[in-house]
């Protein structure tokens, strides 16, 4: 009996050793993939979405079932204005980690940017169902933007104000309210609101852009030019805001 058992034991030991070697190799690959992901995330924060995407695709090859890499990929695709591919990546992240609420919120943003506001609102409401989610002001403001896209101004205002009750000074909600005032013809209210927030946060470029837009809306070209000049000073040279400011100054001067 002992002679018969030995080959079986040997086979089992070989299988265990092979399994251990495979596990070690996988762990090593995952560690490298996470390091590459970090590089991609850094590029992303710098606005270099092409470099970010290259790094994240490299990381994905090494760890295709990592939900965090998929989430970062989704953000990079959105940075490249490929919201459809972002939606695919966020959905994959959620299939790998169903309780990944951050990816769910990002999915809602991708739907909103892809002109699917109703699906976006449903997605953001799912985010709000997670009472442990630490940043509910994001989905609240996002619902505001989705309602604004559908010209549902009272509902949009309600959600922007809810977001600001969670985090006073939350820039996307302030920007949203300013846009709401502009679109509803409340230019005096918009100017007063933006002046107050610019005093609190003078380097927030989007506030100056909103102010320039408000001045243009009510025909105050001189003030609009001054506001666009501030936008050009504050915005990075390769950004859309910088180029928009250049274009508006060219047309107004």
Foldseek 3Di string as FASTA:
>chain_A
DVVVCVVVVVVVVVVVVVVVVVVVVLVVLLVVLVVLQVVLVVCVVVLNLVSSLVSLVVSCVSPVLALVSLLSNLSSCVSVVNLVSSLVSLVSSCVSPVVPLVSLLSNLVSCVSVVNLVVSLVSLVVSVVPVPPPQNLSSLQSNLVSCVVVVVLVSSLVSLVVSCVVPPLPVSSLLSVLVSCQVVVVLVVSLVSLVVSCVVPVLPLSSLVSNLVSCVSVVNLVSSLVSLVSSLVRDPCPDPSNVVSVVSNVVSD
